[in-house]
PDB file of all heavy atoms in Angstrom:
ATOM      1  N   GLY A   1     -10.273  13.858 -11.851  1.00  0.00           N
ATOM      2  CA  GLY A   1     -10.404  12.535 -12.454  1.00  0.00           C
ATOM      3  C   GLY A   1     -10.086  11.414 -11.490  1.00  0.00           C
ATOM      4  O   GLY A   1      -9.855  11.640 -10.296  1.00  0.00           O
ATOM      5  N   SER A   2     -10.080  10.208 -12.034  1.00  0.00           N
ATOM      6  CA  SER A   2      -9.853   9.011 -11.225  1.00  0.00           C
ATOM      7  C   SER A   2      -8.763   8.154 -11.847  1.00  0.00           C
ATOM      8  O   SER A   2      -8.499   8.232 -13.045  1.00  0.00           O
ATOM      9  CB  SER A   2     -11.147   8.184 -11.130  1.00  0.00           C
ATOM     10  OG  SER A   2     -12.178   8.910 -10.505  1.00  0.00           O
ATOM     11  N   ALA A   3      -8.173   7.339 -11.010  1.00  0.00           N
ATOM     12  CA  ALA A   3      -7.180   6.367 -11.453  1.00  0.00           C
ATOM     13  C   ALA A   3      -7.190   5.204 -10.478  1.00  0.00           C
ATOM     14  O   ALA A   3      -7.572   5.365  -9.310  1.00  0.00           O
ATOM     15  CB  ALA A   3      -5.794   6.993 -11.525  1.00  0.00           C
ATOM     16  N   ARG A   4      -6.779   4.057 -10.962  1.00  0.00           N
ATOM     17  CA  ARG A   4      -6.716   2.861 -10.112  1.00  0.00           C
ATOM     18  C   ARG A   4      -5.348   2.227 -10.243  1.00  0.00           C
ATOM     19  O   ARG A   4      -4.896   1.937 -11.351  1.00  0.00           O
ATOM     20  CB  ARG A   4      -7.786   1.860 -10.530  1.00  0.00           C
ATOM     21  CG  ARG A   4      -7.941   0.680  -9.584  1.00  0.00           C
ATOM     22  CD  ARG A   4      -8.796  -0.402 -10.199  1.00  0.00           C
ATOM     23  NE  ARG A   4      -9.289  -1.362  -9.238  1.00  0.00           N
ATOM     24  CZ  ARG A   4      -9.642  -2.602  -9.556  1.00  0.00           C
ATOM     25  NH1 ARG A   4      -9.538  -3.025 -10.798  1.00  0.00           N
ATOM     26  NH2 ARG A   4     -10.108  -3.410  -8.625  1.00  0.00           N
ATOM     27  N   LEU A   5      -4.711   2.026  -9.100  1.00  0.00           N
ATOM     28  CA  LEU A   5      -3.420   1.358  -9.041  1.00  0.00           C
ATOM     29  C   LEU A   5      -3.609  -0.077  -8.572  1.00  0.00           C
ATOM     30  O   LEU A   5      -4.453  -0.348  -7.719  1.00  0.00           O
ATOM     31  CB  LEU A   5      -2.474   2.088  -8.102  1.00  0.00           C
ATOM     32  CG  LEU A   5      -2.256   3.589  -8.354  1.00  0.00           C
ATOM     33  CD1 LEU A   5      -1.275   4.145  -7.339  1.00  0.00           C
ATOM     34  CD2 LEU A   5      -1.805   3.847  -9.768  1.00  0.00           C
ATOM     35  N   SER A   6      -2.800  -0.971  -9.138  1.00  0.00           N
ATOM     36  CA  SER A   6      -2.818  -2.372  -8.731  1.00  0.00           C
ATOM     37  C   SER A   6      -1.416  -2.798  -8.328  1.00  0.00           C
ATOM     38  O   SER A   6      -0.430  -2.301  -8.871  1.00  0.00           O
ATOM     39  CB  SER A   6      -3.305  -3.256  -9.880  1.00  0.00           C
ATOM     40  OG  SER A   6      -4.601  -2.916 -10.298  1.00  0.00           O
ATOM     41  N   CYS A   7      -1.348  -3.706  -7.389  1.00  0.00           N
ATOM     42  CA  CYS A   7      -0.066  -4.248  -6.929  1.00  0.00           C
ATOM     43  C   CYS A   7      -0.231  -5.756  -6.759  1.00  0.00           C
ATOM     44  O   CYS A   7      -0.927  -6.199  -5.840  1.00  0.00           O
ATOM     45  CB  CYS A   7       0.348  -3.595  -5.631  1.00  0.00           C
ATOM     46  SG  CYS A   7       1.889  -4.230  -4.937  1.00  0.00           S
ATOM     47  N   ALA A   8       0.399  -6.507  -7.639  1.00  0.00           N
ATOM     48  CA  ALA A   8       0.308  -7.964  -7.604  1.00  0.00           C
ATOM     49  C   ALA A   8       1.539  -8.538  -6.914  1.00  0.00           C
ATOM     50  O   ALA A   8       2.666  -8.166  -7.244  1.00  0.00           O
ATOM     51  CB  ALA A   8       0.192  -8.507  -9.014  1.00  0.00           C
ATOM     52  N   ALA A   9       1.304  -9.423  -5.963  1.00  0.00           N
ATOM     53  CA  ALA A   9       2.387  -9.995  -5.170  1.00  0.00           C
ATOM     54  C   ALA A   9       2.604 -11.458  -5.503  1.00  0.00           C
ATOM     55  O   ALA A   9       1.666 -12.194  -5.840  1.00  0.00           O
ATOM     56  CB  ALA A   9       2.078  -9.846  -3.685  1.00  0.00           C
ATOM     57  N   SER A  10       3.847 -11.886  -5.367  1.00  0.00           N
ATOM     58  CA  SER A  10       4.196 -13.299  -5.501  1.00  0.00           C
ATOM     59  C   SER A  10       5.325 -13.592  -4.533  1.00  0.00           C
ATOM     60  O   SER A  10       5.996 -12.682  -4.044  1.00  0.00           O
ATOM     61  CB  SER A  10       4.602 -13.631  -6.939  1.00  0.00           C
ATOM     62  OG  SER A  10       5.732 -12.870  -7.314  1.00  0.00           O
ATOM     63  N   GLY A  11       5.542 -14.885  -4.281  1.00  0.00           N
ATOM     64  CA  GLY A  11       6.600 -15.279  -3.354  1.00  0.00           C
ATOM     65  C   GLY A  11       6.054 -15.653  -1.993  1.00  0.00           C
ATOM     66  O   GLY A  11       4.953 -16.184  -1.879  1.00  0.00           O
ATOM     67  N   SER A  12       6.788 -15.354  -0.962  1.00  0.00           N
ATOM     68  CA  SER A  12       6.467 -15.792   0.405  1.00  0.00           C
ATOM     69  C   SER A  12       5.476 -14.840   1.077  1.00  0.00           C
ATOM     70  O   SER A  12       5.770 -14.220   2.099  1.00  0.00           O
ATOM     71  CB  SER A  12       7.740 -15.890   1.222  1.00  0.00           C
ATOM     72  OG  SER A  12       8.667 -16.774   0.638  1.00  0.00           O
ATOM     73  N   ILE A  13       4.302 -14.770   0.522  1.00  0.00           N
ATOM     74  CA  ILE A  13       3.326 -13.811   1.031  1.00  0.00           C
ATOM     75  C   ILE A  13       2.635 -14.297   2.295  1.00  0.00           C
ATOM     76  O   ILE A  13       1.903 -13.531   2.925  1.00  0.00           O
ATOM     77  CB  ILE A  13       2.287 -13.474  -0.041  1.00  0.00           C
ATOM     78  CG1 ILE A  13       1.542 -14.732  -0.471  1.00  0.00           C
ATOM     79  CG2 ILE A  13       2.938 -12.762  -1.202  1.00  0.00           C
ATOM     80  CD1 ILE A  13       0.387 -14.458  -1.382  1.00  0.00           C
ATOM     81  N   PHE A  14       2.855 -15.545   2.718  1.00  0.00           N
ATOM     82  CA  PHE A  14       2.206 -16.060   3.913  1.00  0.00           C
ATOM     83  C   PHE A  14       2.623 -15.272   5.145  1.00  0.00           C
ATOM     84  O   PHE A  14       1.925 -15.247   6.143  1.00  0.00           O
ATOM     85  CB  PHE A  14       2.544 -17.538   4.101  1.00  0.00           C
ATOM     86  CG  PHE A  14       4.016 -17.808   4.254  1.00  0.00           C
ATOM     87  CD1 PHE A  14       4.635 -17.752   5.497  1.00  0.00           C
ATOM     88  CD2 PHE A  14       4.795 -18.094   3.135  1.00  0.00           C
ATOM     89  CE1 PHE A  14       5.986 -17.982   5.618  1.00  0.00           C
ATOM     90  CE2 PHE A  14       6.146 -18.336   3.261  1.00  0.00           C
ATOM     91  CZ  PHE A  14       6.741 -18.269   4.508  1.00  0.00           C
ATOM     92  N   SER A  15       3.797 -14.628   5.091  1.00  0.00           N
ATOM     93  CA  SER A  15       4.310 -13.884   6.241  1.00  0.00           C
ATOM     94  C   SER A  15       3.807 -12.439   6.294  1.00  0.00           C
ATOM     95  O   SER A  15       4.058 -11.732   7.270  1.00  0.00           O
ATOM     96  CB  SER A  15       5.832 -13.873   6.210  1.00  0.00           C
ATOM     97  OG  SER A  15       6.299 -13.149   5.081  1.00  0.00           O
ATOM     98  N   ILE A  16       3.111 -12.021   5.260  1.00  0.00           N
ATOM     99  CA  ILE A  16       2.715 -10.615   5.168  1.00  0.00           C
ATOM    100  C   ILE A  16       1.544 -10.307   6.094  1.00  0.00           C
ATOM    101  O   ILE A  16       0.555 -11.049   6.143  1.00  0.00           O
ATOM    102  CB  ILE A  16       2.350 -10.244   3.715  1.00  0.00           C
ATOM    103  CG1 ILE A  16       3.569 -10.445   2.822  1.00  0.00           C
ATOM    104  CG2 ILE A  16       1.833  -8.811   3.644  1.00  0.00           C
ATOM    105  CD1 ILE A  16       4.786  -9.634   3.239  1.00  0.00           C
ATOM    106  N   MET A  17       1.653  -9.201   6.814  1.00  0.00           N
ATOM    107  CA  MET A  17       0.616  -8.802   7.746  1.00  0.00           C
ATOM    108  C   MET A  17      -0.131  -7.542   7.307  1.00  0.00           C
ATOM    109  O   MET A  17      -1.324  -7.401   7.560  1.00  0.00           O
ATOM    110  CB  MET A  17       1.223  -8.570   9.124  1.00  0.00           C
ATOM    111  CG  MET A  17       1.917  -9.794   9.686  1.00  0.00           C
ATOM    112  SD  MET A  17       2.631  -9.493  11.297  1.00  0.00           S
ATOM    113  CE  MET A  17       1.154  -9.268  12.272  1.00  0.00           C
ATOM    114  N   VAL A  18       0.599  -6.629   6.672  1.00  0.00           N
ATOM    115  CA  VAL A  18       0.008  -5.347   6.275  1.00  0.00           C
ATOM    116  C   VAL A  18       0.462  -5.020   4.858  1.00  0.00           C
ATOM    117  O   VAL A  18       1.625  -5.227   4.501  1.00  0.00           O
ATOM    118  CB  VAL A  18       0.436  -4.206   7.221  1.00  0.00           C
ATOM    119  CG1 VAL A  18      -0.189  -2.886   6.781  1.00  0.00           C
ATOM    120  CG2 VAL A  18       0.069  -4.530   8.652  1.00  0.00           C
ATOM    121  N   MET A  19      -0.465  -4.484   4.079  1.00  0.00           N
ATOM    122  CA  MET A  19      -0.161  -4.037   2.732  1.00  0.00           C
ATOM    123  C   MET A  19      -0.541  -2.565   2.630  1.00  0.00           C
ATOM    124  O   MET A  19      -1.502  -2.130   3.286  1.00  0.00           O
ATOM    125  CB  MET A  19      -0.960  -4.852   1.711  1.00  0.00           C
ATOM    126  CG  MET A  19      -0.625  -6.316   1.740  1.00  0.00           C
ATOM    127  SD  MET A  19      -2.070  -7.343   1.401  1.00  0.00           S
ATOM    128  CE  MET A  19      -2.922  -7.247   2.977  1.00  0.00           C
ATOM    129  N   GLY A  20       0.212  -1.831   1.831  1.00  0.00           N
ATOM    130  CA  GLY A  20      -0.091  -0.412   1.779  1.00  0.00           C
ATOM    131  C   GLY A  20       0.419   0.274   0.538  1.00  0.00           C
ATOM    132  O   GLY A  20       1.141  -0.312  -0.268  1.00  0.00           O
ATOM    133  N   TRP A  21      -0.018   1.503   0.405  1.00  0.00           N
ATOM    134  CA  TRP A  21       0.457   2.379  -0.660  1.00  0.00           C
ATOM    135  C   TRP A  21       1.112   3.609  -0.031  1.00  0.00           C
ATOM    136  O   TRP A  21       0.570   4.186   0.931  1.00  0.00           O
ATOM    137  CB  TRP A  21      -0.709   2.815  -1.553  1.00  0.00           C
ATOM    138  CG  TRP A  21      -1.238   1.723  -2.420  1.00  0.00           C
ATOM    139  CD1 TRP A  21      -2.284   0.889  -2.152  1.00  0.00           C
ATOM    140  CD2 TRP A  21      -0.729   1.330  -3.698  1.00  0.00           C
ATOM    141  NE1 TRP A  21      -2.458   0.006  -3.189  1.00  0.00           N
ATOM    142  CE2 TRP A  21      -1.512   0.251  -4.147  1.00  0.00           C
ATOM    143  CE3 TRP A  21       0.312   1.786  -4.515  1.00  0.00           C
ATOM    144  CZ2 TRP A  21      -1.295  -0.385  -5.374  1.00  0.00           C
ATOM    145  CZ3 TRP A  21       0.521   1.161  -5.734  1.00  0.00           C
ATOM    146  CH2 TRP A  21      -0.276   0.096  -6.153  1.00  0.00           C
ATOM    147  N   TYR A  22       2.248   3.982  -0.597  1.00  0.00           N
ATOM    148  CA  TYR A  22       2.985   5.158  -0.170  1.00  0.00           C
ATOM    149  C   TYR A  22       3.228   6.023  -1.400  1.00  0.00           C
ATOM    150  O   TYR A  22       3.131   5.529  -2.531  1.00  0.00           O
ATOM    151  CB  TYR A  22       4.322   4.746   0.458  1.00  0.00           C
ATOM    152  CG  TYR A  22       4.168   4.010   1.764  1.00  0.00           C
ATOM    153  CD1 TYR A  22       3.681   2.708   1.800  1.00  0.00           C
ATOM    154  CD2 TYR A  22       4.502   4.620   2.971  1.00  0.00           C
ATOM    155  CE1 TYR A  22       3.514   2.033   2.998  1.00  0.00           C
ATOM    156  CE2 TYR A  22       4.355   3.950   4.178  1.00  0.00           C
ATOM    157  CZ  TYR A  22       3.867   2.655   4.179  1.00  0.00           C
ATOM    158  OH  TYR A  22       3.700   2.004   5.370  1.00  0.00           O
ATOM    159  N   ARG A  23       3.555   7.274  -1.188  1.00  0.00           N
ATOM    160  CA  ARG A  23       3.851   8.131  -2.329  1.00  0.00           C
ATOM    161  C   ARG A  23       4.984   9.087  -1.990  1.00  0.00           C
ATOM    162  O   ARG A  23       5.187   9.453  -0.835  1.00  0.00           O
ATOM    163  CB  ARG A  23       2.621   8.909  -2.780  1.00  0.00           C
ATOM    164  CG  ARG A  23       2.080   9.920  -1.776  1.00  0.00           C
ATOM    165  CD  ARG A  23       0.763  10.510  -2.293  1.00  0.00           C
ATOM    166  NE  ARG A  23       0.200  11.470  -1.358  1.00  0.00           N
ATOM    167  CZ  ARG A  23      -1.000  12.025  -1.509  1.00  0.00           C
ATOM    168  NH1 ARG A  23      -1.763  11.715  -2.572  1.00  0.00           N
ATOM    169  NH2 ARG A  23      -1.457  12.901  -0.632  1.00  0.00           N
ATOM    170  N   GLN A  24       5.680   9.465  -3.052  1.00  0.00           N
ATOM    171  CA  GLN A  24       6.810  10.362  -2.899  1.00  0.00           C
ATOM    172  C   GLN A  24       6.737  11.409  -4.006  1.00  0.00           C
ATOM    173  O   GLN A  24       6.872  11.086  -5.186  1.00  0.00           O
ATOM    174  CB  GLN A  24       8.132   9.603  -2.961  1.00  0.00           C
ATOM    175  CG  GLN A  24       9.337  10.446  -2.655  1.00  0.00           C
ATOM    176  CD  GLN A  24      10.586   9.616  -2.442  1.00  0.00           C
ATOM    177  OE1 GLN A  24      10.626   8.411  -2.733  1.00  0.00           O
ATOM    178  NE2 GLN A  24      11.615  10.221  -1.896  1.00  0.00           N
ATOM    179  N   ALA A  25       6.496  12.646  -3.592  1.00  0.00           N
ATOM    180  CA  ALA A  25       6.449  13.756  -4.525  1.00  0.00           C
ATOM    181  C   ALA A  25       7.863  14.235  -4.829  1.00  0.00           C
ATOM    182  O   ALA A  25       8.792  13.940  -4.061  1.00  0.00           O
ATOM    183  CB  ALA A  25       5.621  14.901  -3.939  1.00  0.00           C
ATOM    184  N   PRO A  26       8.034  14.980  -5.928  1.00  0.00           N
ATOM    185  CA  PRO A  26       9.366  15.501  -6.228  1.00  0.00           C
ATOM    186  C   PRO A  26       9.926  16.301  -5.058  1.00  0.00           C
ATOM    187  O   PRO A  26       9.223  17.113  -4.455  1.00  0.00           O
ATOM    188  CB  PRO A  26       9.106  16.401  -7.439  1.00  0.00           C
ATOM    189  CG  PRO A  26       7.894  15.836  -8.089  1.00  0.00           C
ATOM    190  CD  PRO A  26       7.052  15.319  -6.961  1.00  0.00           C
ATOM    191  N   ARG A  27      11.161  16.002  -4.697  1.00  0.00           N
ATOM    192  CA  ARG A  27      11.858  16.672  -3.593  1.00  0.00           C
ATOM    193  C   ARG A  27      11.166  16.426  -2.245  1.00  0.00           C
ATOM    194  O   ARG A  27      11.402  17.154  -1.285  1.00  0.00           O
ATOM    195  CB  ARG A  27      11.980  18.179  -3.846  1.00  0.00           C
ATOM    196  CG  ARG A  27      12.806  18.503  -5.074  1.00  0.00           C
ATOM    197  CD  ARG A  27      12.859  20.006  -5.300  1.00  0.00           C
ATOM    198  NE  ARG A  27      11.557  20.574  -5.591  1.00  0.00           N
ATOM    199  CZ  ARG A  27      10.988  20.530  -6.781  1.00  0.00           C
ATOM    200  NH1 ARG A  27      11.600  19.933  -7.782  1.00  0.00           N
ATOM    201  NH2 ARG A  27       9.795  21.082  -6.968  1.00  0.00           N
ATOM    202  N   GLY A  28      10.313  15.380  -2.169  1.00  0.00           N
ATOM    203  CA  GLY A  28       9.642  15.088  -0.909  1.00  0.00           C
ATOM    204  C   GLY A  28      10.060  13.745  -0.347  1.00  0.00           C
ATOM    205  O   GLY A  28      10.833  13.015  -0.951  1.00  0.00           O
ATOM    206  N   GLN A  29       9.535  13.443   0.826  1.00  0.00           N
ATOM    207  CA  GLN A  29       9.822  12.144   1.431  1.00  0.00           C
ATOM    208  C   GLN A  29       8.703  11.171   1.079  1.00  0.00           C
ATOM    209  O   GLN A  29       7.656  11.571   0.590  1.00  0.00           O
ATOM    210  CB  GLN A  29       9.943  12.286   2.940  1.00  0.00           C
ATOM    211  CG  GLN A  29       8.670  12.770   3.638  1.00  0.00           C
ATOM    212  CD  GLN A  29       8.860  12.949   5.131  1.00  0.00           C
ATOM    213  OE1 GLN A  29       9.979  13.035   5.623  1.00  0.00           O
ATOM    214  NE2 GLN A  29       7.766  13.012   5.870  1.00  0.00           N
ATOM    215  N   ARG A  30       8.943   9.899   1.311  1.00  0.00           N
ATOM    216  CA  ARG A  30       7.941   8.873   1.030  1.00  0.00           C
ATOM    217  C   ARG A  30       6.978   8.791   2.216  1.00  0.00           C
ATOM    218  O   ARG A  30       7.383   8.500   3.337  1.00  0.00           O
ATOM    219  CB  ARG A  30       8.620   7.520   0.783  1.00  0.00           C
ATOM    220  CG  ARG A  30       7.688   6.473   0.231  1.00  0.00           C
ATOM    221  CD  ARG A  30       8.460   5.206  -0.154  1.00  0.00           C
ATOM    222  NE  ARG A  30       9.439   5.454  -1.212  1.00  0.00           N
ATOM    223  CZ  ARG A  30      10.145   4.476  -1.785  1.00  0.00           C
ATOM    224  NH1 ARG A  30       9.951   3.212  -1.436  1.00  0.00           N
ATOM    225  NH2 ARG A  30      11.021   4.768  -2.719  1.00  0.00           N
ATOM    226  N   ASP A  31       5.723   9.040   1.930  1.00  0.00           N
ATOM    227  CA  ASP A  31       4.701   9.093   2.981  1.00  0.00           C
ATOM    228  C   ASP A  31       3.634   8.034   2.768  1.00  0.00           C
ATOM    229  O   ASP A  31       3.301   7.687   1.633  1.00  0.00           O
ATOM    230  CB  ASP A  31       4.021  10.468   3.000  1.00  0.00           C
ATOM    231  CG  ASP A  31       4.970  11.584   3.370  1.00  0.00           C
ATOM    232  OD1 ASP A  31       5.803  11.382   4.274  1.00  0.00           O
ATOM    233  OD2 ASP A  31       4.875  12.660   2.747  1.00  0.00           O
ATOM    234  N   MET A  32       3.059   7.572   3.863  1.00  0.00           N
ATOM    235  CA  MET A  32       1.977   6.604   3.802  1.00  0.00           C
ATOM    236  C   MET A  32       0.725   7.257   3.230  1.00  0.00           C
ATOM    237  O   MET A  32       0.370   8.366   3.615  1.00  0.00           O
ATOM    238  CB  MET A  32       1.700   6.051   5.199  1.00  0.00           C
ATOM    239  CG  MET A  32       0.692   4.905   5.251  1.00  0.00           C
ATOM    240  SD  MET A  32      -1.050   5.408   5.286  1.00  0.00           S
ATOM    241  CE  MET A  32      -1.166   6.074   6.946  1.00  0.00           C
ATOM    242  N   VAL A  33       0.068   6.543   2.331  1.00  0.00           N
ATOM    243  CA  VAL A  33      -1.210   6.992   1.788  1.00  0.00           C
ATOM    244  C   VAL A  33      -2.349   6.174   2.398  1.00  0.00           C
ATOM    245  O   VAL A  33      -3.311   6.737   2.910  1.00  0.00           O
ATOM    246  CB  VAL A  33      -1.241   6.846   0.255  1.00  0.00           C
ATOM    247  CG1 VAL A  33      -2.616   7.225  -0.302  1.00  0.00           C
ATOM    248  CG2 VAL A  33      -0.146   7.684  -0.381  1.00  0.00           C
ATOM    249  N   ALA A  34      -2.217   4.852   2.351  1.00  0.00           N
ATOM    250  CA  ALA A  34      -3.267   3.983   2.878  1.00  0.00           C
ATOM    251  C   ALA A  34      -2.677   2.610   3.153  1.00  0.00           C
ATOM    252  O   ALA A  34      -1.746   2.181   2.464  1.00  0.00           O
ATOM    253  CB  ALA A  34      -4.421   3.855   1.878  1.00  0.00           C
ATOM    254  N   THR A  35      -3.204   1.939   4.175  1.00  0.00           N
ATOM    255  CA  THR A  35      -2.794   0.578   4.486  1.00  0.00           C
ATOM    256  C   THR A  35      -4.018  -0.286   4.720  1.00  0.00           C
ATOM    257  O   THR A  35      -5.100   0.212   5.065  1.00  0.00           O
ATOM    258  CB  THR A  35      -1.888   0.515   5.721  1.00  0.00           C
ATOM    259  OG1 THR A  35      -2.615   1.008   6.856  1.00  0.00           O
ATOM    260  CG2 THR A  35      -0.616   1.322   5.524  1.00  0.00           C
ATOM    261  N   ILE A  36      -3.816  -1.588   4.560  1.00  0.00           N
ATOM    262  CA  ILE A  36      -4.885  -2.553   4.800  1.00  0.00           C
ATOM    263  C   ILE A  36      -4.268  -3.836   5.315  1.00  0.00           C
ATOM    264  O   ILE A  36      -3.195  -4.243   4.875  1.00  0.00           O
ATOM    265  CB  ILE A  36      -5.712  -2.799   3.517  1.00  0.00           C
ATOM    266  CG1 ILE A  36      -6.943  -3.657   3.815  1.00  0.00           C
ATOM    267  CG2 ILE A  36      -4.864  -3.418   2.423  1.00  0.00           C
ATOM    268  CD1 ILE A  36      -7.947  -3.716   2.664  1.00  0.00           C
ATOM    269  N   THR A  37      -4.921  -4.468   6.278  1.00  0.00           N
ATOM    270  CA  THR A  37      -4.463  -5.744   6.792  1.00  0.00           C
ATOM    271  C   THR A  37      -5.181  -6.877   6.061  1.00  0.00           C
ATOM    272  O   THR A  37      -6.145  -6.649   5.318  1.00  0.00           O
ATOM    273  CB  THR A  37      -4.751  -5.861   8.290  1.00  0.00           C
ATOM    274  OG1 THR A  37      -6.177  -5.919   8.489  1.00  0.00           O
ATOM    275  CG2 THR A  37      -4.184  -4.664   9.051  1.00  0.00           C
ATOM    276  N   TRP A  38      -4.708  -8.120   6.296  1.00  0.00           N
ATOM    277  CA  TRP A  38      -5.361  -9.255   5.655  1.00  0.00           C
ATOM    278  C   TRP A  38      -6.822  -9.372   6.090  1.00  0.00           C
ATOM    279  O   TRP A  38      -7.674  -9.875   5.350  1.00  0.00           O
ATOM    280  CB  TRP A  38      -4.629 -10.557   5.965  1.00  0.00           C
ATOM    281  CG  TRP A  38      -3.413 -10.765   5.137  1.00  0.00           C
ATOM    282  CD1 TRP A  38      -2.131 -10.834   5.572  1.00  0.00           C
ATOM    283  CD2 TRP A  38      -3.364 -10.912   3.708  1.00  0.00           C
ATOM    284  NE1 TRP A  38      -1.278 -11.010   4.506  1.00  0.00           N
ATOM    285  CE2 TRP A  38      -1.999 -11.070   3.368  1.00  0.00           C
ATOM    286  CE3 TRP A  38      -4.322 -10.925   2.702  1.00  0.00           C
ATOM    287  CZ2 TRP A  38      -1.580 -11.240   2.039  1.00  0.00           C
ATOM    288  CZ3 TRP A  38      -3.908 -11.104   1.385  1.00  0.00           C
ATOM    289  CH2 TRP A  38      -2.555 -11.255   1.069  1.00  0.00           C
ATOM    290  N   SER A  39      -7.129  -8.909   7.285  1.00  0.00           N
ATOM    291  CA  SER A  39      -8.508  -8.975   7.776  1.00  0.00           C
ATOM    292  C   SER A  39      -9.368  -7.852   7.232  1.00  0.00           C
ATOM    293  O   SER A  39     -10.584  -7.848   7.429  1.00  0.00           O
ATOM    294  CB  SER A  39      -8.527  -8.936   9.303  1.00  0.00           C
ATOM    295  OG  SER A  39      -8.025  -7.692   9.763  1.00  0.00           O
ATOM    296  N   GLY A  40      -8.726  -6.857   6.573  1.00  0.00           N
ATOM    297  CA  GLY A  40      -9.492  -5.795   5.949  1.00  0.00           C
ATOM    298  C   GLY A  40      -9.507  -4.474   6.680  1.00  0.00           C
ATOM    299  O   GLY A  40     -10.160  -3.528   6.225  1.00  0.00           O
ATOM    300  N   ALA A  41      -8.819  -4.373   7.792  1.00  0.00           N
ATOM    301  CA  ALA A  41      -8.767  -3.102   8.510  1.00  0.00           C
ATOM    302  C   ALA A  41      -7.947  -2.097   7.711  1.00  0.00           C
ATOM    303  O   ALA A  41      -6.851  -2.404   7.255  1.00  0.00           O
ATOM    304  CB  ALA A  41      -8.157  -3.308   9.889  1.00  0.00           C
ATOM    305  N   THR A  42      -8.486  -0.904   7.545  1.00  0.00           N
ATOM    306  CA  THR A  42      -7.837   0.109   6.711  1.00  0.00           C
ATOM    307  C   THR A  42      -7.437   1.338   7.511  1.00  0.00           C
ATOM    308  O   THR A  42      -7.994   1.634   8.576  1.00  0.00           O
ATOM    309  CB  THR A  42      -8.751   0.541   5.561  1.00  0.00           C
ATOM    310  OG1 THR A  42      -9.973   1.070   6.106  1.00  0.00           O
ATOM    311  CG2 THR A  42      -9.074  -0.624   4.647  1.00  0.00           C
ATOM    312  N   ASN A  43      -6.485   2.066   6.956  1.00  0.00           N
ATOM    313  CA  ASN A  43      -6.019   3.309   7.550  1.00  0.00           C
ATOM    314  C   ASN A  43      -5.615   4.229   6.409  1.00  0.00           C
ATOM    315  O   ASN A  43      -5.013   3.774   5.429  1.00  0.00           O
ATOM    316  CB  ASN A  43      -4.824   3.055   8.480  1.00  0.00           C
ATOM    317  CG  ASN A  43      -4.385   4.308   9.192  1.00  0.00           C
ATOM    318  OD1 ASN A  43      -5.206   5.089   9.649  1.00  0.00           O
ATOM    319  ND2 ASN A  43      -3.083   4.504   9.293  1.00  0.00           N
ATOM    320  N   TYR A  44      -5.970   5.514   6.513  1.00  0.00           N
ATOM    321  CA  TYR A  44      -5.685   6.475   5.462  1.00  0.00           C
ATOM    322  C   TYR A  44      -5.027   7.720   6.034  1.00  0.00           C
ATOM    323  O   TYR A  44      -5.350   8.152   7.148  1.00  0.00           O
ATOM    324  CB  TYR A  44      -6.975   6.912   4.751  1.00  0.00           C
ATOM    325  CG  TYR A  44      -7.700   5.811   4.018  1.00  0.00           C
ATOM    326  CD1 TYR A  44      -8.673   5.052   4.662  1.00  0.00           C
ATOM    327  CD2 TYR A  44      -7.420   5.530   2.688  1.00  0.00           C
ATOM    328  CE1 TYR A  44      -9.351   4.038   3.989  1.00  0.00           C
ATOM    329  CE2 TYR A  44      -8.092   4.528   2.004  1.00  0.00           C
ATOM    330  CZ  TYR A  44      -9.045   3.779   2.667  1.00  0.00           C
ATOM    331  OH  TYR A  44      -9.703   2.773   2.001  1.00  0.00           O
TER     332      TYR A  44
END
């Protein structure tokens, strides 16, 4: 199946350079899933 996550930001976002999603499984560490810059460059 599919799912869509959203993350809405407020505050001093002018300083932000990279946005991303991370995940942490039970008994696991927090790992990067995907990142995106303001210009749109992505990494998975």
